[in-house]
Amino acid sequence: QLQLVASGGGLVQAGGSLRLSCAASGSIFSINAMGWYRQAPGKQRELVAVITSGGSTHYADSVKGRFTISRDNAKNTVYLQMNSLKPEDTAVYYCNVDLWTIAHVRSDYWGQGTQVTVSS
């Protein structure tokens, strides 16, 4: 059984920082890309950042220079360091992991979502 557990959300003032974590556990053979998405009220879910197994990263234009994605392969964990937060960053943040299971099935999994609220 596979599980993604996200943590680190909360309420912060504009200009502040938060660090999100998402740990994958279970019948994992290997992990490909890991990423963060967000969904604000009334809006579609959007990609925030992604990191490949080789460490290459991609960011949405709206977060470039403020957010940093990283991963710890030994812990099957992906992080999102968010600095200089703005009210428009308020959303539910979801982690997503593309992986191979020990049964050699490739699939992607979503975390449960963690709320980030930035006050002005």
N, C-alpha and C. Protein backbone atom coordinates (compact mmCIF):
# COMPACT_ATOMS: atom_id res chain seq x y z
N GLN A 1 0.84 -1.19 0.00
CA GLN A 1 0.00 0.00 0.00
C GLN A 1 0.88 1.24 0.00
N LEU A 2 0.56 2.16 -0.90
CA LEU A 2 1.36 3.38 -1.03
C LEU A 2 0.67 4.54 -0.34
N GLN A 3 1.49 5.40 0.24
CA GLN A 3 0.93 6.55 0.95
C GLN A 3 1.83 7.75 0.78
N LEU A 4 1.21 8.91 0.57
CA LEU A 4 1.93 10.18 0.56
C LEU A 4 1.38 11.03 1.69
N VAL A 5 2.26 11.50 2.53
CA VAL A 5 1.84 12.32 3.66
C VAL A 5 2.52 13.68 3.55
N ALA A 6 1.69 14.71 3.38
CA ALA A 6 2.19 16.07 3.26
C ALA A 6 2.03 16.81 4.57
N SER A 7 2.96 17.73 4.82
CA SER A 7 2.89 18.53 6.04
C SER A 7 3.59 19.86 5.81
N GLY A 8 3.39 20.78 6.75
CA GLY A 8 4.12 22.04 6.73
C GLY A 8 3.31 23.26 6.36
N GLY A 9 2.05 23.08 6.00
CA GLY A 9 1.24 24.24 5.67
C GLY A 9 0.89 25.04 6.90
N GLY A 10 0.25 26.17 6.69
CA GLY A 10 -0.15 27.01 7.81
C GLY A 10 -0.50 28.41 7.39
N LEU A 11 -0.60 29.28 8.38
CA LEU A 11 -0.93 30.68 8.16
C LEU A 11 0.33 31.52 8.36
N VAL A 12 0.62 32.38 7.40
CA VAL A 12 1.82 33.21 7.48
C VAL A 12 1.50 34.58 6.91
N GLN A 13 2.20 35.59 7.38
CA GLN A 13 2.03 36.94 6.83
C GLN A 13 2.78 37.07 5.52
N ALA A 14 2.32 37.99 4.71
CA ALA A 14 3.00 38.27 3.44
C ALA A 14 4.47 38.59 3.70
N GLY A 15 5.33 38.02 2.88
CA GLY A 15 6.76 38.19 3.06
C GLY A 15 7.40 37.08 3.87
N GLY A 16 6.59 36.27 4.49
CA GLY A 16 7.09 35.19 5.33
C GLY A 16 7.45 33.95 4.53
N SER A 17 7.81 32.90 5.27
CA SER A 17 8.28 31.65 4.65
C SER A 17 7.58 30.45 5.27
N LEU A 18 7.47 29.42 4.46
CA LEU A 18 6.99 28.12 4.92
C LEU A 18 7.76 27.04 4.17
N ARG A 19 7.86 25.87 4.80
CA ARG A 19 8.48 24.73 4.14
C ARG A 19 7.52 23.55 4.17
N LEU A 20 7.18 23.07 2.99
CA LEU A 20 6.31 21.91 2.88
C LEU A 20 7.15 20.65 2.69
N SER A 21 6.65 19.55 3.23
CA SER A 21 7.30 18.26 3.07
C SER A 21 6.26 17.24 2.61
N CYS A 22 6.70 16.26 1.87
CA CYS A 22 5.81 15.18 1.44
C CYS A 22 6.63 13.90 1.38
N ALA A 23 6.25 12.94 2.20
CA ALA A 23 6.98 11.68 2.30
C ALA A 23 6.16 10.55 1.70
N ALA A 24 6.81 9.79 0.84
CA ALA A 24 6.17 8.62 0.22
C ALA A 24 6.63 7.37 0.94
N SER A 25 5.70 6.45 1.14
CA SER A 25 6.05 5.19 1.80
C SER A 25 5.21 4.07 1.22
N GLY A 26 5.70 2.83 1.43
CA GLY A 26 4.97 1.67 0.93
C GLY A 26 5.79 0.89 -0.06
N SER A 27 5.08 0.26 -0.98
CA SER A 27 5.71 -0.67 -1.92
C SER A 27 6.33 0.06 -3.11
N ILE A 28 7.39 0.80 -2.82
CA ILE A 28 8.04 1.64 -3.83
C ILE A 28 9.29 0.96 -4.35
N PHE A 29 9.39 0.86 -5.66
CA PHE A 29 10.62 0.35 -6.27
C PHE A 29 11.56 1.52 -6.58
N SER A 30 11.03 2.52 -7.27
CA SER A 30 11.82 3.71 -7.56
C SER A 30 10.88 4.89 -7.84
N ILE A 31 11.42 6.08 -7.62
CA ILE A 31 10.63 7.29 -7.82
C ILE A 31 11.20 8.10 -8.97
N ASN A 32 10.34 8.51 -9.87
CA ASN A 32 10.75 9.36 -10.98
C ASN A 32 10.60 10.83 -10.55
N ALA A 33 9.70 11.54 -11.16
CA ALA A 33 9.53 12.95 -10.81
C ALA A 33 8.69 13.10 -9.54
N MET A 34 8.97 14.18 -8.82
CA MET A 34 8.19 14.57 -7.65
C MET A 34 7.82 16.03 -7.83
N GLY A 35 6.61 16.37 -7.47
CA GLY A 35 6.20 17.75 -7.71
C GLY A 35 5.19 18.27 -6.71
N TRP A 36 4.99 19.57 -6.81
CA TRP A 36 3.98 20.25 -6.01
C TRP A 36 3.01 20.98 -6.93
N TYR A 37 1.75 20.87 -6.62
CA TYR A 37 0.68 21.58 -7.31
C TYR A 37 -0.10 22.36 -6.26
N ARG A 38 -0.89 23.31 -6.74
CA ARG A 38 -1.75 24.04 -5.81
C ARG A 38 -3.08 24.35 -6.47
N GLN A 39 -4.08 24.51 -5.60
CA GLN A 39 -5.41 24.85 -6.09
C GLN A 39 -6.02 25.89 -5.16
N ALA A 40 -6.25 27.05 -5.73
CA ALA A 40 -6.91 28.13 -4.99
C ALA A 40 -8.42 28.01 -5.17
N PRO A 41 -9.20 28.58 -4.27
CA PRO A 41 -10.67 28.50 -4.40
C PRO A 41 -11.15 29.04 -5.73
N GLY A 42 -11.96 28.26 -6.41
CA GLY A 42 -12.53 28.69 -7.68
C GLY A 42 -11.59 28.59 -8.86
N LYS A 43 -10.40 28.04 -8.64
CA LYS A 43 -9.42 27.94 -9.72
C LYS A 43 -9.03 26.49 -9.96
N GLN A 44 -8.44 26.25 -11.11
CA GLN A 44 -7.97 24.92 -11.43
C GLN A 44 -6.65 24.64 -10.73
N ARG A 45 -6.39 23.36 -10.51
CA ARG A 45 -5.11 22.97 -9.93
C ARG A 45 -4.01 23.31 -10.93
N GLU A 46 -2.90 23.86 -10.41
CA GLU A 46 -1.81 24.26 -11.28
C GLU A 46 -0.49 23.73 -10.76
N LEU A 47 0.44 23.51 -11.67
CA LEU A 47 1.77 23.07 -11.30
C LEU A 47 2.53 24.22 -10.65
N VAL A 48 3.19 23.92 -9.53
CA VAL A 48 4.04 24.90 -8.87
C VAL A 48 5.50 24.62 -9.19
N ALA A 49 5.92 23.39 -8.97
CA ALA A 49 7.32 23.03 -9.21
C ALA A 49 7.43 21.52 -9.33
N VAL A 50 8.43 21.07 -10.06
CA VAL A 50 8.68 19.65 -10.23
C VAL A 50 10.18 19.41 -10.23
N ILE A 51 10.58 18.25 -9.72
CA ILE A 51 11.99 17.87 -9.71
C ILE A 51 12.09 16.44 -10.21
N THR A 52 12.99 16.21 -11.16
CA THR A 52 13.16 14.88 -11.73
C THR A 52 14.06 14.02 -10.85
N SER A 53 14.18 12.77 -11.22
CA SER A 53 15.04 11.86 -10.46
C SER A 53 16.50 12.29 -10.57
N GLY A 54 16.83 13.00 -11.64
CA GLY A 54 18.19 13.47 -11.81
C GLY A 54 18.46 14.82 -11.18
N GLY A 55 17.42 15.41 -10.61
CA GLY A 55 17.59 16.68 -9.91
C GLY A 55 17.26 17.92 -10.73
N SER A 56 16.83 17.74 -11.95
CA SER A 56 16.42 18.90 -12.75
C SER A 56 15.11 19.45 -12.20
N THR A 57 14.98 20.76 -12.24
CA THR A 57 13.80 21.41 -11.67
C THR A 57 13.10 22.29 -12.69
N HIS A 58 11.82 22.48 -12.47
CA HIS A 58 11.02 23.38 -13.29
C HIS A 58 10.04 24.08 -12.37
N TYR A 59 9.87 25.37 -12.58
CA TYR A 59 8.98 26.17 -11.74
C TYR A 59 7.96 26.94 -12.57
N ALA A 60 6.82 27.15 -11.99
CA ALA A 60 5.86 28.08 -12.58
C ALA A 60 6.46 29.47 -12.53
N ASP A 61 6.16 30.28 -13.53
CA ASP A 61 6.72 31.63 -13.58
C ASP A 61 6.37 32.43 -12.34
N SER A 62 5.20 32.18 -11.78
CA SER A 62 4.73 32.97 -10.65
C SER A 62 5.53 32.73 -9.37
N VAL A 63 6.29 31.64 -9.32
CA VAL A 63 7.04 31.33 -8.09
C VAL A 63 8.55 31.33 -8.29
N LYS A 64 9.01 31.53 -9.51
CA LYS A 64 10.44 31.52 -9.78
C LYS A 64 11.15 32.57 -8.93
N GLY A 65 12.27 32.15 -8.34
CA GLY A 65 13.04 33.06 -7.51
C GLY A 65 12.56 33.15 -6.08
N ARG A 66 11.39 32.59 -5.80
CA ARG A 66 10.86 32.63 -4.42
C ARG A 66 10.73 31.23 -3.81
N PHE A 67 10.41 30.24 -4.63
CA PHE A 67 10.22 28.87 -4.16
C PHE A 67 11.39 28.00 -4.62
N THR A 68 11.72 27.01 -3.81
CA THR A 68 12.76 26.05 -4.16
C THR A 68 12.26 24.64 -3.85
N ILE A 69 12.32 23.78 -4.86
CA ILE A 69 11.94 22.39 -4.67
C ILE A 69 13.21 21.56 -4.52
N SER A 70 13.15 20.57 -3.64
CA SER A 70 14.29 19.68 -3.44
C SER A 70 13.74 18.30 -3.03
N ARG A 71 14.63 17.32 -3.05
CA ARG A 71 14.19 15.98 -2.67
C ARG A 71 15.30 15.25 -1.93
N ASP A 72 14.91 14.35 -1.07
CA ASP A 72 15.83 13.46 -0.36
C ASP A 72 15.46 12.04 -0.79
N ASN A 73 16.25 11.48 -1.68
CA ASN A 73 15.91 10.17 -2.23
C ASN A 73 15.97 9.06 -1.18
N ALA A 74 16.84 9.21 -0.20
CA ALA A 74 16.94 8.20 0.85
C ALA A 74 15.68 8.14 1.70
N LYS A 75 14.99 9.27 1.78
CA LYS A 75 13.77 9.36 2.59
C LYS A 75 12.50 9.37 1.74
N ASN A 76 12.66 9.28 0.43
CA ASN A 76 11.50 9.35 -0.49
C ASN A 76 10.65 10.58 -0.19
N THR A 77 11.32 11.69 0.01
CA THR A 77 10.64 12.91 0.45
C THR A 77 10.96 14.06 -0.49
N VAL A 78 9.94 14.86 -0.76
CA VAL A 78 10.11 16.07 -1.55
C VAL A 78 9.73 17.26 -0.68
N TYR A 79 10.48 18.35 -0.87
CA TYR A 79 10.28 19.57 -0.08
C TYR A 79 9.96 20.75 -0.99
N LEU A 80 9.28 21.72 -0.44
CA LEU A 80 9.06 22.97 -1.14
C LEU A 80 9.31 24.10 -0.15
N GLN A 81 10.42 24.78 -0.35
CA GLN A 81 10.74 25.96 0.47
C GLN A 81 10.11 27.17 -0.18
N MET A 82 9.24 27.84 0.54
CA MET A 82 8.51 28.98 -0.01
C MET A 82 8.90 30.24 0.75
N ASN A 83 9.54 31.16 0.06
CA ASN A 83 9.96 32.43 0.65
C ASN A 83 9.21 33.59 -0.01
N SER A 84 9.27 34.72 0.64
CA SER A 84 8.62 35.94 0.11
C SER A 84 7.19 35.64 -0.32
N LEU A 85 6.46 34.99 0.55
CA LEU A 85 5.10 34.57 0.22
C LEU A 85 4.18 35.77 0.00
N LYS A 86 3.26 35.60 -0.93
CA LYS A 86 2.30 36.64 -1.28
C LYS A 86 0.88 36.12 -1.02
N PRO A 87 -0.08 37.00 -0.83
CA PRO A 87 -1.46 36.55 -0.63
C PRO A 87 -1.97 35.66 -1.77
N GLU A 88 -1.48 35.92 -2.97
CA GLU A 88 -1.92 35.10 -4.11
C GLU A 88 -1.35 33.69 -4.10
N ASP A 89 -0.45 33.40 -3.17
CA ASP A 89 0.05 32.03 -3.00
C ASP A 89 -0.90 31.19 -2.15
N THR A 90 -1.92 31.82 -1.60
CA THR A 90 -2.89 31.09 -0.78
C THR A 90 -3.58 30.02 -1.60
N ALA A 91 -3.52 28.78 -1.12
CA ALA A 91 -4.11 27.65 -1.85
C ALA A 91 -3.91 26.39 -1.02
N VAL A 92 -4.54 25.32 -1.48
CA VAL A 92 -4.22 23.99 -0.96
C VAL A 92 -3.11 23.44 -1.84
N TYR A 93 -2.04 23.01 -1.22
CA TYR A 93 -0.88 22.50 -1.94
C TYR A 93 -0.88 20.98 -1.88
N TYR A 94 -0.70 20.37 -3.04
CA TYR A 94 -0.70 18.92 -3.17
C TYR A 94 0.65 18.45 -3.70
N CYS A 95 1.17 17.37 -3.13
CA CYS A 95 2.35 16.75 -3.72
C CYS A 95 1.91 15.64 -4.67
N ASN A 96 2.75 15.41 -5.63
CA ASN A 96 2.50 14.37 -6.64
C ASN A 96 3.80 13.63 -6.90
N VAL A 97 3.70 12.31 -6.95
CA VAL A 97 4.88 11.49 -7.15
C VAL A 97 4.62 10.49 -8.27
N ASP A 98 5.54 10.46 -9.22
CA ASP A 98 5.51 9.49 -10.33
C ASP A 98 6.50 8.38 -9.98
N LEU A 99 6.02 7.16 -9.83
CA LEU A 99 6.91 6.12 -9.32
C LEU A 99 6.62 4.75 -9.93
N TRP A 100 7.55 3.86 -9.70
CA TRP A 100 7.39 2.45 -10.02
C TRP A 100 7.18 1.70 -8.71
N THR A 101 6.16 0.85 -8.67
CA THR A 101 5.95 0.02 -7.49
C THR A 101 6.83 -1.22 -7.58
N ILE A 102 6.89 -1.95 -6.49
CA ILE A 102 7.69 -3.17 -6.49
C ILE A 102 7.08 -4.23 -7.40
N ALA A 103 5.82 -4.04 -7.79
CA ALA A 103 5.18 -4.93 -8.76
C ALA A 103 5.44 -4.46 -10.19
N HIS A 104 6.34 -3.46 -10.32
CA HIS A 104 6.73 -2.90 -11.62
C HIS A 104 5.56 -2.28 -12.37
N VAL A 105 4.73 -1.60 -11.62
CA VAL A 105 3.63 -0.83 -12.19
C VAL A 105 3.97 0.64 -12.01
N ARG A 106 3.90 1.39 -13.10
CA ARG A 106 4.18 2.82 -13.01
C ARG A 106 2.88 3.59 -12.82
N SER A 107 2.87 4.48 -11.88
CA SER A 107 1.68 5.27 -11.63
C SER A 107 2.07 6.55 -10.90
N ASP A 108 1.12 7.46 -10.77
CA ASP A 108 1.39 8.65 -9.98
C ASP A 108 0.38 8.74 -8.84
N TYR A 109 0.84 9.30 -7.76
CA TYR A 109 0.05 9.36 -6.54
C TYR A 109 0.02 10.80 -6.03
N TRP A 110 -1.08 11.10 -5.36
CA TRP A 110 -1.29 12.44 -4.80
C TRP A 110 -1.32 12.39 -3.28
N GLY A 111 -0.72 13.41 -2.67
CA GLY A 111 -0.84 13.59 -1.24
C GLY A 111 -2.21 14.15 -0.89
N GLN A 112 -2.45 14.30 0.41
CA GLN A 112 -3.78 14.70 0.87
C GLN A 112 -4.02 16.20 0.79
N GLY A 113 -3.00 16.97 0.51
CA GLY A 113 -3.17 18.42 0.44
C GLY A 113 -2.92 19.08 1.77
N THR A 114 -2.26 20.21 1.73
CA THR A 114 -2.00 20.99 2.93
C THR A 114 -2.30 22.47 2.63
N GLN A 115 -3.01 23.10 3.54
CA GLN A 115 -3.47 24.47 3.31
C GLN A 115 -2.35 25.47 3.61
N VAL A 116 -2.14 26.38 2.68
CA VAL A 116 -1.23 27.51 2.88
C VAL A 116 -2.06 28.78 2.76
N THR A 117 -2.03 29.60 3.79
CA THR A 117 -2.77 30.86 3.79
C THR A 117 -1.81 31.99 4.08
N VAL A 118 -1.77 32.97 3.17
CA VAL A 118 -0.88 34.12 3.32
C VAL A 118 -1.74 35.36 3.53
N SER A 119 -1.57 36.00 4.66
CA SER A 119 -2.36 37.18 4.97
C SER A 119 -1.61 38.44 4.54
N SER A 120 -2.37 39.44 4.15
CA SER A 120 -1.74 40.69 3.68
C SER A 120 -1.51 41.66 4.82
